């Protein structure tokens, strides 16, 4: 009888822990790993982030149904979202265009509503202005639809982003990248200690 009681306690503890983990992952925090260089130098391959799932919306778990909003995404926020061409994949980019904005790129310079955007975070490793694909370095003016956002990678010459696959809907946003809790340099086989616990901006 004592054995069954102990087993019951273990089952209950595991069940509660699983529910708590599900609640945290669904409503509070989600871990995310950087696997590409599209956000260099801001985010390095091997960075591990914590993403706030309640920064903008509270959703029904395992769906994109928004229960209520907690705030609005702002220009410059780094967001994790479902990749529009394959929602089973999560992408991370920086928000550049808000609903109603007109965004244009002229020889690598981003203009929002006709004004040049100051982007201290971006990098251009290719000095050439490529004519094909034209949209990498020169994007004709596009207006961001209501309920959608235009996303770009900080590593502007090597990023598949809204220039190539369009806008991200509000419902597809998973959350806002908050803090970098771990960073592993697999090439040099060491921890990037100076990056740990950095606030993501």
N, C-alpha and C. Protein backbone atom coordinates (compact mmCIF):
# COMPACT_ATOMS: atom_id res chain seq x y z
N UNK A 1 0.83 -1.21 0.00
CA UNK A 1 0.00 0.00 0.00
C UNK A 1 0.86 1.26 0.00
N UNK A 2 1.92 1.24 0.82
CA UNK A 2 2.85 2.36 0.88
C UNK A 2 3.53 2.56 -0.47
N UNK A 3 3.84 1.43 -1.16
CA UNK A 3 4.49 1.49 -2.47
C UNK A 3 3.56 2.18 -3.48
N UNK A 4 2.27 1.80 -3.46
CA UNK A 4 1.30 2.42 -4.37
C UNK A 4 1.17 3.91 -4.08
N UNK A 5 1.18 4.27 -2.79
CA UNK A 5 1.06 5.65 -2.40
C UNK A 5 2.25 6.46 -2.93
N UNK A 6 3.43 5.89 -2.81
CA UNK A 6 4.64 6.56 -3.29
C UNK A 6 4.60 6.70 -4.82
N UNK A 7 4.15 5.66 -5.49
CA UNK A 7 4.01 5.68 -6.94
C UNK A 7 3.01 6.75 -7.37
N UNK A 8 1.90 6.83 -6.63
CA UNK A 8 0.90 7.84 -6.91
C UNK A 8 1.49 9.25 -6.80
N UNK A 9 2.30 9.45 -5.77
CA UNK A 9 2.93 10.75 -5.55
C UNK A 9 3.84 11.12 -6.74
N UNK A 10 4.59 10.13 -7.21
CA UNK A 10 5.48 10.35 -8.34
C UNK A 10 4.69 10.70 -9.60
N UNK A 11 3.62 9.97 -9.84
CA UNK A 11 2.77 10.21 -11.03
C UNK A 11 2.17 11.61 -10.96
N UNK A 12 1.68 11.97 -9.79
CA UNK A 12 1.08 13.30 -9.61
C UNK A 12 2.12 14.40 -9.83
N UNK A 13 3.33 14.18 -9.28
CA UNK A 13 4.40 15.18 -9.41
C UNK A 13 4.79 15.36 -10.88
N UNK A 14 4.91 14.23 -11.60
CA UNK A 14 5.26 14.30 -13.02
C UNK A 14 4.16 14.98 -13.82
N UNK A 15 2.91 14.66 -13.50
CA UNK A 15 1.77 15.24 -14.20
C UNK A 15 1.73 16.76 -13.98
N UNK A 16 1.92 17.20 -12.74
CA UNK A 16 1.91 18.63 -12.42
C UNK A 16 3.07 19.35 -13.11
N UNK A 17 4.25 18.69 -13.09
CA UNK A 17 5.42 19.29 -13.75
C UNK A 17 5.18 19.44 -15.25
N UNK A 18 4.56 18.42 -15.85
CA UNK A 18 4.27 18.47 -17.29
C UNK A 18 3.27 19.59 -17.60
N UNK A 19 2.24 19.72 -16.76
CA UNK A 19 1.26 20.79 -16.95
C UNK A 19 1.91 22.15 -16.81
N UNK A 20 2.79 22.28 -15.81
CA UNK A 20 3.48 23.55 -15.58
C UNK A 20 4.38 23.90 -16.77
N UNK A 21 5.10 22.89 -17.28
CA UNK A 21 5.97 23.11 -18.43
C UNK A 21 5.15 23.51 -19.66
N UNK A 22 4.00 22.86 -19.84
CA UNK A 22 3.12 23.18 -20.96
C UNK A 22 2.60 24.60 -20.85
N UNK A 23 2.21 24.97 -19.63
CA UNK A 23 1.71 26.33 -19.40
C UNK A 23 2.77 27.37 -19.70
N UNK A 24 3.99 27.14 -19.19
CA UNK A 24 5.09 28.09 -19.40
C UNK A 24 5.41 28.22 -20.88
N UNK A 25 5.49 27.07 -21.59
CA UNK A 25 5.84 27.11 -23.01
C UNK A 25 4.72 27.72 -23.85
N UNK A 26 3.47 27.51 -23.43
CA UNK A 26 2.33 28.02 -24.20
C UNK A 26 2.09 29.50 -23.99
N UNK A 27 2.31 29.98 -22.77
CA UNK A 27 1.92 31.34 -22.45
C UNK A 27 3.06 32.26 -22.04
N UNK A 28 4.18 31.73 -21.60
CA UNK A 28 5.20 32.58 -20.97
C UNK A 28 6.48 32.67 -21.79
N UNK A 29 7.27 31.60 -21.79
CA UNK A 29 8.61 31.63 -22.38
C UNK A 29 8.83 30.41 -23.27
N UNK A 30 9.52 30.64 -24.39
CA UNK A 30 9.92 29.54 -25.25
C UNK A 30 11.39 29.70 -25.60
N UNK A 31 12.11 28.59 -25.63
CA UNK A 31 13.52 28.63 -26.01
C UNK A 31 13.63 28.58 -27.53
N UNK A 32 14.67 29.22 -28.05
CA UNK A 32 14.89 29.25 -29.50
C UNK A 32 16.39 29.24 -29.76
N UNK A 33 16.82 28.46 -30.75
CA UNK A 33 18.24 28.35 -31.10
C UNK A 33 18.50 28.95 -32.47
N UNK A 34 19.58 29.72 -32.59
CA UNK A 34 19.96 30.33 -33.86
C UNK A 34 20.78 29.32 -34.66
N UNK A 35 20.29 28.99 -35.86
CA UNK A 35 20.96 27.98 -36.68
C UNK A 35 21.47 28.54 -38.01
N UNK A 36 21.22 29.82 -38.28
CA UNK A 36 21.69 30.42 -39.53
C UNK A 36 22.33 31.77 -39.23
N UNK A 37 23.00 32.32 -40.24
CA UNK A 37 23.69 33.59 -40.05
C UNK A 37 22.91 34.80 -40.54
N UNK A 38 21.61 34.67 -40.71
CA UNK A 38 20.82 35.77 -41.28
C UNK A 38 20.68 36.98 -40.36
N UNK A 39 20.97 36.79 -39.05
CA UNK A 39 20.85 37.91 -38.11
C UNK A 39 22.20 38.37 -37.57
N UNK A 40 23.30 37.95 -38.21
CA UNK A 40 24.62 38.45 -37.82
C UNK A 40 24.67 39.96 -38.03
N UNK A 41 25.40 40.72 -37.22
CA UNK A 41 26.18 40.28 -36.09
C UNK A 41 25.36 40.25 -34.79
N UNK A 42 24.13 40.67 -34.85
CA UNK A 42 23.31 40.73 -33.64
C UNK A 42 23.20 39.37 -32.98
N UNK A 43 22.86 38.35 -33.78
CA UNK A 43 22.70 37.00 -33.27
C UNK A 43 23.64 36.06 -34.01
N UNK A 44 24.40 35.27 -33.24
CA UNK A 44 25.39 34.37 -33.79
C UNK A 44 24.82 32.95 -33.90
N UNK A 45 25.34 32.19 -34.86
CA UNK A 45 24.97 30.78 -34.93
C UNK A 45 25.40 30.10 -33.64
N UNK A 46 24.48 29.40 -33.01
CA UNK A 46 24.77 28.76 -31.72
C UNK A 46 24.26 29.53 -30.53
N UNK A 47 23.68 30.72 -30.76
CA UNK A 47 23.05 31.47 -29.67
C UNK A 47 21.74 30.78 -29.28
N UNK A 48 21.46 30.75 -27.98
CA UNK A 48 20.20 30.21 -27.46
C UNK A 48 19.45 31.35 -26.78
N UNK A 49 18.20 31.55 -27.18
CA UNK A 49 17.43 32.69 -26.70
C UNK A 49 16.21 32.26 -25.91
N UNK A 50 15.74 33.18 -25.08
CA UNK A 50 14.43 33.03 -24.47
C UNK A 50 13.50 34.02 -25.15
N UNK A 51 12.35 33.52 -25.58
CA UNK A 51 11.39 34.32 -26.33
C UNK A 51 10.12 34.50 -25.51
N UNK A 52 9.70 35.74 -25.32
CA UNK A 52 8.47 36.03 -24.58
C UNK A 52 7.26 35.76 -25.45
N UNK A 53 6.41 34.84 -25.02
CA UNK A 53 5.20 34.53 -25.77
C UNK A 53 4.04 35.45 -25.41
N UNK A 54 4.19 36.25 -24.37
CA UNK A 54 3.08 37.11 -23.96
C UNK A 54 3.38 38.59 -24.23
N UNK A 55 4.44 38.86 -25.01
CA UNK A 55 4.80 40.26 -25.28
C UNK A 55 3.71 40.99 -26.04
N UNK A 56 2.98 40.28 -26.91
CA UNK A 56 1.97 40.91 -27.75
C UNK A 56 0.59 40.30 -27.62
N UNK A 57 0.53 38.97 -27.54
CA UNK A 57 -0.77 38.30 -27.55
C UNK A 57 -0.75 37.07 -26.64
N UNK A 58 -1.90 36.77 -26.08
CA UNK A 58 -2.13 35.50 -25.40
C UNK A 58 -3.00 34.66 -26.33
N UNK A 59 -2.51 33.46 -26.66
CA UNK A 59 -3.21 32.61 -27.63
C UNK A 59 -3.71 31.33 -26.99
N UNK A 60 -4.70 30.73 -27.63
CA UNK A 60 -5.12 29.38 -27.27
C UNK A 60 -3.95 28.44 -27.56
N UNK A 61 -3.53 27.61 -26.58
CA UNK A 61 -2.39 26.73 -26.80
C UNK A 61 -2.51 25.89 -28.07
N UNK A 62 -1.38 25.79 -28.79
CA UNK A 62 -1.25 24.98 -30.01
C UNK A 62 -2.08 25.52 -31.18
N UNK A 63 -2.51 26.77 -31.07
CA UNK A 63 -3.24 27.40 -32.17
C UNK A 63 -2.72 28.83 -32.36
N UNK A 64 -3.20 29.48 -33.42
CA UNK A 64 -2.90 30.89 -33.64
C UNK A 64 -4.07 31.79 -33.27
N UNK A 65 -5.01 31.21 -32.52
CA UNK A 65 -6.19 31.97 -32.10
C UNK A 65 -5.82 32.89 -30.95
N UNK A 66 -5.95 34.20 -31.17
CA UNK A 66 -5.59 35.18 -30.15
C UNK A 66 -6.75 35.39 -29.19
N UNK A 67 -6.48 35.16 -27.89
CA UNK A 67 -7.50 35.39 -26.85
C UNK A 67 -7.61 36.89 -26.55
N UNK A 68 -6.46 37.52 -26.32
CA UNK A 68 -6.43 38.97 -26.15
C UNK A 68 -5.00 39.47 -26.35
N UNK A 69 -4.89 40.74 -26.67
CA UNK A 69 -3.58 41.34 -26.94
C UNK A 69 -3.03 42.01 -25.69
N UNK A 70 -1.71 41.97 -25.57
CA UNK A 70 -1.03 42.60 -24.43
C UNK A 70 -0.17 43.78 -24.86
N UNK A 71 -0.05 43.99 -26.16
CA UNK A 71 0.76 45.09 -26.68
C UNK A 71 0.93 44.93 -28.18
N UNK A 72 1.56 45.90 -28.80
CA UNK A 72 1.77 45.86 -30.24
C UNK A 72 3.25 45.78 -30.57
N UNK A 73 3.62 44.98 -31.56
CA UNK A 73 5.02 44.93 -32.00
C UNK A 73 5.49 46.32 -32.44
N UNK A 74 6.74 46.63 -32.13
CA UNK A 74 7.31 47.92 -32.49
C UNK A 74 8.44 47.75 -33.50
N UNK A 75 8.66 48.76 -34.32
CA UNK A 75 9.75 48.72 -35.27
C UNK A 75 11.08 48.49 -34.54
N UNK A 76 11.86 47.55 -35.04
CA UNK A 76 13.14 47.25 -34.39
C UNK A 76 13.08 46.03 -33.50
N UNK A 77 11.88 45.58 -33.12
CA UNK A 77 11.76 44.36 -32.31
C UNK A 77 12.27 43.16 -33.10
N UNK A 78 12.93 42.24 -32.40
CA UNK A 78 13.34 40.99 -33.02
C UNK A 78 12.31 39.93 -32.65
N UNK A 79 11.67 39.35 -33.67
CA UNK A 79 10.53 38.47 -33.46
C UNK A 79 10.81 37.05 -33.95
N UNK A 80 10.25 36.10 -33.25
CA UNK A 80 10.19 34.71 -33.73
C UNK A 80 8.78 34.50 -34.24
N UNK A 81 8.68 33.88 -35.42
CA UNK A 81 7.37 33.71 -36.06
C UNK A 81 7.37 32.46 -36.93
N UNK A 82 6.18 32.03 -37.29
CA UNK A 82 6.04 30.90 -38.20
C UNK A 82 6.40 31.35 -39.61
N UNK A 83 7.30 30.62 -40.24
CA UNK A 83 7.72 30.92 -41.60
C UNK A 83 6.51 30.85 -42.53
N UNK A 84 6.18 31.94 -43.22
CA UNK A 84 4.95 31.96 -44.05
C UNK A 84 4.87 30.85 -45.10
N UNK A 85 6.00 30.42 -45.64
CA UNK A 85 5.98 29.38 -46.68
C UNK A 85 5.96 27.97 -46.11
N UNK A 86 6.21 27.84 -44.80
CA UNK A 86 6.16 26.53 -44.14
C UNK A 86 5.98 26.76 -42.64
N UNK A 87 4.72 26.88 -42.18
CA UNK A 87 4.43 27.21 -40.77
C UNK A 87 5.01 26.23 -39.75
N UNK A 88 5.48 25.06 -40.20
CA UNK A 88 6.09 24.13 -39.25
C UNK A 88 7.49 24.59 -38.83
N UNK A 89 8.04 25.59 -39.54
CA UNK A 89 9.36 26.12 -39.23
C UNK A 89 9.23 27.49 -38.56
N UNK A 90 10.09 27.74 -37.58
CA UNK A 90 10.13 29.04 -36.91
C UNK A 90 11.30 29.85 -37.44
N UNK A 91 11.05 31.12 -37.75
CA UNK A 91 12.07 32.04 -38.24
C UNK A 91 12.26 33.15 -37.22
N UNK A 92 13.40 33.84 -37.32
CA UNK A 92 13.65 35.01 -36.48
C UNK A 92 14.21 36.13 -37.35
N UNK A 93 13.59 37.31 -37.27
CA UNK A 93 14.01 38.47 -38.05
C UNK A 93 13.68 39.74 -37.24
N UNK A 94 14.09 40.87 -37.80
CA UNK A 94 13.80 42.15 -37.16
C UNK A 94 12.61 42.82 -37.86
N UNK A 95 11.73 43.39 -37.07
CA UNK A 95 10.55 44.07 -37.61
C UNK A 95 10.96 45.43 -38.17
N UNK A 96 10.68 45.64 -39.46
CA UNK A 96 11.03 46.89 -40.12
C UNK A 96 9.78 47.68 -40.52
N UNK A 97 8.78 46.99 -41.08
CA UNK A 97 7.59 47.67 -41.55
C UNK A 97 6.36 47.34 -40.73
N UNK A 98 5.70 48.37 -40.21
CA UNK A 98 4.46 48.21 -39.44
C UNK A 98 3.26 48.29 -40.38
N UNK A 99 2.08 47.85 -39.93
CA UNK A 99 0.89 47.95 -40.78
C UNK A 99 0.67 49.38 -41.26
N UNK A 100 0.48 49.52 -42.57
CA UNK A 100 0.26 50.84 -43.15
C UNK A 100 1.52 51.54 -43.64
N UNK A 101 2.70 51.06 -43.21
CA UNK A 101 3.96 51.66 -43.67
C UNK A 101 4.21 51.35 -45.15
N UNK A 102 4.84 52.29 -45.82
CA UNK A 102 5.36 52.03 -47.16
C UNK A 102 6.87 51.86 -47.06
N UNK A 103 7.35 50.70 -47.46
CA UNK A 103 8.78 50.37 -47.33
C UNK A 103 9.39 50.24 -48.72
N UNK A 104 10.58 50.80 -48.85
CA UNK A 104 11.31 50.77 -50.12
C UNK A 104 12.78 50.55 -49.81
N UNK A 105 13.50 49.87 -50.72
CA UNK A 105 14.94 49.73 -50.58
C UNK A 105 15.59 50.26 -51.84
N UNK A 106 16.51 51.22 -51.65
CA UNK A 106 17.22 51.83 -52.78
C UNK A 106 18.72 51.64 -52.55
N UNK A 107 19.34 50.80 -53.38
CA UNK A 107 20.77 50.52 -53.26
C UNK A 107 21.17 50.19 -51.81
N UNK A 108 20.43 49.24 -51.23
CA UNK A 108 20.65 48.70 -49.89
C UNK A 108 20.12 49.58 -48.75
N UNK A 109 19.74 50.82 -49.05
CA UNK A 109 19.21 51.71 -48.01
C UNK A 109 17.71 51.53 -47.88
N UNK A 110 17.25 51.23 -46.66
CA UNK A 110 15.82 51.06 -46.40
C UNK A 110 15.17 52.41 -46.13
N UNK A 111 14.07 52.66 -46.82
CA UNK A 111 13.27 53.86 -46.57
C UNK A 111 11.89 53.44 -46.08
N UNK A 112 11.45 54.07 -45.01
CA UNK A 112 10.11 53.82 -44.48
C UNK A 112 9.32 55.12 -44.56
N UNK A 113 8.23 55.06 -45.30
CA UNK A 113 7.39 56.25 -45.54
C UNK A 113 8.23 57.41 -46.10
N UNK A 114 9.17 57.06 -46.98
CA UNK A 114 9.97 58.07 -47.67
C UNK A 114 11.20 58.54 -46.94
N UNK A 115 11.40 58.08 -45.70
CA UNK A 115 12.56 58.53 -44.92
C UNK A 115 13.54 57.38 -44.71
N UNK A 116 14.85 57.69 -44.84
CA UNK A 116 15.89 56.69 -44.64
C UNK A 116 15.86 56.19 -43.20
N UNK A 117 15.90 54.87 -43.04
CA UNK A 117 15.85 54.26 -41.71
C UNK A 117 17.26 54.12 -41.16
N UNK A 118 17.46 54.60 -39.93
CA UNK A 118 18.75 54.46 -39.26
C UNK A 118 18.83 53.05 -38.69
N UNK A 119 19.78 52.26 -39.17
CA UNK A 119 19.88 50.86 -38.78
C UNK A 119 21.31 50.51 -38.33
N UNK A 120 21.69 50.88 -37.12
CA UNK A 120 23.05 50.60 -36.63
C UNK A 120 23.34 49.12 -36.48
N UNK A 121 22.30 48.29 -36.45
CA UNK A 121 22.45 46.86 -36.23
C UNK A 121 22.75 46.08 -37.51
N UNK A 122 22.46 46.64 -38.69
CA UNK A 122 22.56 45.87 -39.93
C UNK A 122 24.01 45.80 -40.40
N UNK A 123 24.29 44.79 -41.24
CA UNK A 123 25.60 44.70 -41.88
C UNK A 123 25.43 44.33 -43.35
N UNK A 124 26.35 44.84 -44.16
CA UNK A 124 26.42 44.50 -45.58
C UNK A 124 27.83 44.00 -45.86
N UNK A 125 27.95 42.71 -46.14
CA UNK A 125 29.26 42.12 -46.41
C UNK A 125 29.60 42.12 -47.89
N UNK A 126 28.59 42.32 -48.73
CA UNK A 126 28.80 42.36 -50.18
C UNK A 126 28.69 43.81 -50.63
N UNK A 127 29.81 44.43 -51.05
CA UNK A 127 29.77 45.84 -51.44
C UNK A 127 29.06 46.08 -52.77
N UNK A 128 28.84 45.03 -53.53
CA UNK A 128 28.21 45.18 -54.84
C UNK A 128 26.70 45.40 -54.71
N UNK A 129 26.15 46.19 -55.61
CA UNK A 129 24.71 46.35 -55.71
C UNK A 129 24.25 45.36 -56.78
N UNK A 130 23.58 44.32 -56.36
CA UNK A 130 23.16 43.28 -57.30
C UNK A 130 21.85 43.67 -57.98
N UNK A 131 21.82 43.44 -59.28
CA UNK A 131 20.61 43.71 -60.03
C UNK A 131 19.69 42.48 -60.10
N UNK A 132 20.27 41.32 -59.81
CA UNK A 132 19.45 40.10 -59.77
C UNK A 132 19.94 39.22 -58.63
N UNK A 133 19.09 38.79 -57.68
CA UNK A 133 17.69 39.24 -57.69
C UNK A 133 17.58 40.70 -57.26
N UNK A 134 16.81 41.46 -58.00
CA UNK A 134 16.71 42.90 -57.76
C UNK A 134 16.24 43.20 -56.34
N UNK A 135 15.38 42.38 -55.82
CA UNK A 135 14.76 42.68 -54.53
C UNK A 135 15.74 42.63 -53.37
N UNK A 136 16.93 42.06 -53.54
CA UNK A 136 17.87 42.04 -52.42
C UNK A 136 18.34 43.45 -52.07
N UNK A 137 18.73 44.22 -53.09
CA UNK A 137 19.31 45.54 -52.86
C UNK A 137 18.41 46.69 -53.28
N UNK A 138 17.40 46.39 -54.07
CA UNK A 138 16.45 47.41 -54.53
C UNK A 138 15.05 46.82 -54.53
N UNK A 139 14.24 47.33 -53.64
CA UNK A 139 12.86 46.85 -53.52
C UNK A 139 11.91 48.00 -53.84
N UNK A 140 11.04 47.78 -54.79
CA UNK A 140 10.06 48.82 -55.12
C UNK A 140 9.14 49.06 -53.92
N UNK A 141 8.59 50.27 -53.80
CA UNK A 141 7.74 50.58 -52.64
C UNK A 141 6.60 49.57 -52.47
N UNK A 142 6.47 49.06 -51.25
CA UNK A 142 5.36 48.15 -50.92
C UNK A 142 4.70 48.68 -49.65
N UNK A 143 3.39 48.57 -49.59
CA UNK A 143 2.65 49.00 -48.40
C UNK A 143 2.28 47.78 -47.57
N UNK A 144 2.62 47.83 -46.30
CA UNK A 144 2.37 46.70 -45.41
C UNK A 144 0.87 46.63 -45.09
N UNK A 145 0.22 45.49 -45.34
CA UNK A 145 -1.23 45.39 -45.08
C UNK A 145 -1.54 45.44 -43.59
N UNK A 146 -2.77 45.76 -43.28
CA UNK A 146 -3.23 45.73 -41.89
C UNK A 146 -3.06 44.33 -41.32
N UNK A 147 -2.63 44.25 -40.08
CA UNK A 147 -2.47 42.96 -39.43
C UNK A 147 -1.24 42.19 -39.88
N UNK A 148 -0.32 42.86 -40.59
CA UNK A 148 0.88 42.20 -41.08
C UNK A 148 2.11 43.07 -40.82
N UNK A 149 3.29 42.43 -40.98
CA UNK A 149 4.55 43.10 -40.69
C UNK A 149 5.59 42.71 -41.73
N UNK A 150 6.52 43.65 -42.01
CA UNK A 150 7.61 43.38 -42.93
C UNK A 150 8.87 43.13 -42.10
N UNK A 151 9.50 41.98 -42.33
CA UNK A 151 10.64 41.53 -41.53
C UNK A 151 11.90 41.44 -42.39
N UNK A 152 13.03 41.90 -41.84
CA UNK A 152 14.32 41.78 -42.52
C UNK A 152 15.37 41.21 -41.57
N UNK A 153 16.33 40.48 -42.13
CA UNK A 153 17.45 40.00 -41.34
C UNK A 153 18.50 41.09 -41.22
N UNK A 154 19.24 41.10 -40.11
CA UNK A 154 20.29 42.11 -39.92
C UNK A 154 21.46 41.90 -40.87
N UNK A 155 21.74 40.64 -41.23
CA UNK A 155 22.78 40.32 -42.19
C UNK A 155 22.18 40.47 -43.58
N UNK A 156 22.01 41.71 -43.98
CA UNK A 156 21.11 42.07 -45.07
C UNK A 156 21.45 41.43 -46.42
N UNK A 157 22.72 41.16 -46.68
CA UNK A 157 23.09 40.57 -47.98
C UNK A 157 22.93 39.06 -48.02
N UNK A 158 22.61 38.46 -46.88
CA UNK A 158 22.50 37.00 -46.81
C UNK A 158 21.35 36.60 -45.90
N UNK A 159 20.17 37.05 -46.25
CA UNK A 159 18.99 36.76 -45.43
C UNK A 159 17.78 36.56 -46.33
N UNK A 160 17.09 35.45 -46.13
CA UNK A 160 15.81 35.22 -46.81
C UNK A 160 14.73 35.79 -45.90
N UNK A 161 14.10 36.85 -46.33
CA UNK A 161 13.16 37.55 -45.45
C UNK A 161 11.99 38.10 -46.28
N UNK A 162 11.34 39.13 -45.78
CA UNK A 162 10.12 39.64 -46.44
C UNK A 162 10.37 40.10 -47.87
N UNK A 163 11.60 40.40 -48.22
CA UNK A 163 11.90 40.77 -49.60
C UNK A 163 11.58 39.62 -50.56
N UNK A 164 11.70 38.39 -50.04
CA UNK A 164 11.56 37.21 -50.89
C UNK A 164 10.22 36.50 -50.70
N UNK A 165 9.68 36.49 -49.47
CA UNK A 165 8.46 35.71 -49.25
C UNK A 165 7.28 36.51 -48.67
N UNK A 166 7.42 37.83 -48.60
CA UNK A 166 6.26 38.64 -48.24
C UNK A 166 6.16 38.98 -46.76
N UNK A 167 4.93 39.21 -46.31
CA UNK A 167 4.68 39.74 -44.96
C UNK A 167 4.38 38.62 -43.97
N UNK A 168 4.49 38.98 -42.68
CA UNK A 168 4.16 38.06 -41.59
C UNK A 168 2.89 38.55 -40.92
N UNK A 169 1.92 37.66 -40.74
CA UNK A 169 0.66 38.05 -40.10
C UNK A 169 0.84 38.13 -38.58
N UNK A 170 -0.01 38.90 -37.96
CA UNK A 170 0.03 39.03 -36.49
C UNK A 170 -0.15 37.67 -35.83
N UNK A 171 -1.05 36.86 -36.38
CA UNK A 171 -1.34 35.54 -35.79
C UNK A 171 -0.13 34.60 -35.84
N UNK A 172 0.77 34.82 -36.82
CA UNK A 172 1.92 33.94 -36.99
C UNK A 172 3.07 34.28 -36.05
N UNK A 173 2.98 35.41 -35.36
CA UNK A 173 4.06 35.81 -34.44
C UNK A 173 4.02 34.93 -33.19
N UNK A 174 5.14 34.33 -32.88
CA UNK A 174 5.26 33.49 -31.68
C UNK A 174 5.63 34.33 -30.47
N UNK A 175 6.56 35.25 -30.65
CA UNK A 175 6.93 36.10 -29.53
C UNK A 175 8.13 36.98 -29.84
N UNK A 176 8.54 37.72 -28.82
CA UNK A 176 9.65 38.67 -28.93
C UNK A 176 10.89 38.09 -28.27
N UNK A 177 12.02 38.13 -28.99
CA UNK A 177 13.29 37.66 -28.41
C UNK A 177 13.70 38.59 -27.28
N UNK A 178 13.99 38.01 -26.11
CA UNK A 178 14.27 38.81 -24.93
C UNK A 178 15.72 38.77 -24.47
N UNK A 179 16.21 37.56 -24.21
CA UNK A 179 17.52 37.43 -23.57
C UNK A 179 18.27 36.24 -24.15
N UNK A 180 19.57 36.38 -24.22
CA UNK A 180 20.45 35.33 -24.72
C UNK A 180 21.01 34.59 -23.50
N UNK A 181 20.63 33.33 -23.32
CA UNK A 181 21.03 32.63 -22.10
C UNK A 181 22.19 31.66 -22.31
N UNK A 182 22.54 31.35 -23.56
CA UNK A 182 23.64 30.42 -23.83
C UNK A 182 24.14 30.65 -25.24
N UNK A 183 25.45 30.51 -25.46
CA UNK A 183 26.01 30.69 -26.79
C UNK A 183 27.20 29.76 -26.97
N UNK A 184 27.08 28.87 -27.94
CA UNK A 184 28.12 27.86 -28.20
C UNK A 184 28.69 28.05 -29.60
N UNK A 185 30.00 28.28 -29.66
CA UNK A 185 30.71 28.42 -30.94
C UNK A 185 31.19 27.04 -31.36
N UNK A 186 30.45 26.38 -32.23
CA UNK A 186 30.78 25.01 -32.63
C UNK A 186 32.04 24.94 -33.49
N UNK A 187 32.36 26.04 -34.17
CA UNK A 187 33.55 26.05 -35.02
C UNK A 187 34.82 26.01 -34.18
N UNK A 188 34.83 26.78 -33.08
CA UNK A 188 36.00 26.82 -32.21
C UNK A 188 35.84 25.99 -30.95
N UNK A 189 34.65 25.34 -30.84
CA UNK A 189 34.37 24.46 -29.70
C UNK A 189 34.54 25.16 -28.35
N UNK A 190 33.90 26.30 -28.21
CA UNK A 190 33.95 26.99 -26.92
C UNK A 190 32.68 27.80 -26.67
N UNK A 191 32.50 28.16 -25.41
CA UNK A 191 31.36 28.97 -24.99
C UNK A 191 31.71 30.45 -25.19
N UNK A 192 30.77 31.20 -25.75
CA UNK A 192 30.97 32.64 -25.87
C UNK A 192 30.47 33.30 -24.58
N UNK A 193 31.32 33.29 -23.58
CA UNK A 193 30.92 33.74 -22.24
C UNK A 193 30.44 35.18 -22.23
N UNK A 194 31.02 36.02 -23.08
CA UNK A 194 30.67 37.44 -23.07
C UNK A 194 29.26 37.71 -23.59
N UNK A 195 28.63 36.71 -24.20
CA UNK A 195 27.29 36.89 -24.75
C UNK A 195 26.19 36.43 -23.78
N UNK A 196 26.57 35.68 -22.76
CA UNK A 196 25.56 35.10 -21.87
C UNK A 196 24.80 36.18 -21.11
N UNK A 197 23.50 36.01 -21.04
CA UNK A 197 22.55 36.88 -20.34
C UNK A 197 22.47 38.28 -20.93
N UNK A 198 22.87 38.43 -22.21
CA UNK A 198 22.71 39.71 -22.89
C UNK A 198 21.26 39.93 -23.27
N UNK A 199 20.79 41.15 -23.07
CA UNK A 199 19.46 41.55 -23.53
C UNK A 199 19.54 41.72 -25.05
N UNK A 200 18.55 41.20 -25.77
CA UNK A 200 18.56 41.23 -27.24
C UNK A 200 17.92 42.52 -27.73
N UNK A 201 18.68 43.26 -28.55
CA UNK A 201 18.18 44.53 -29.07
C UNK A 201 18.43 44.62 -30.57
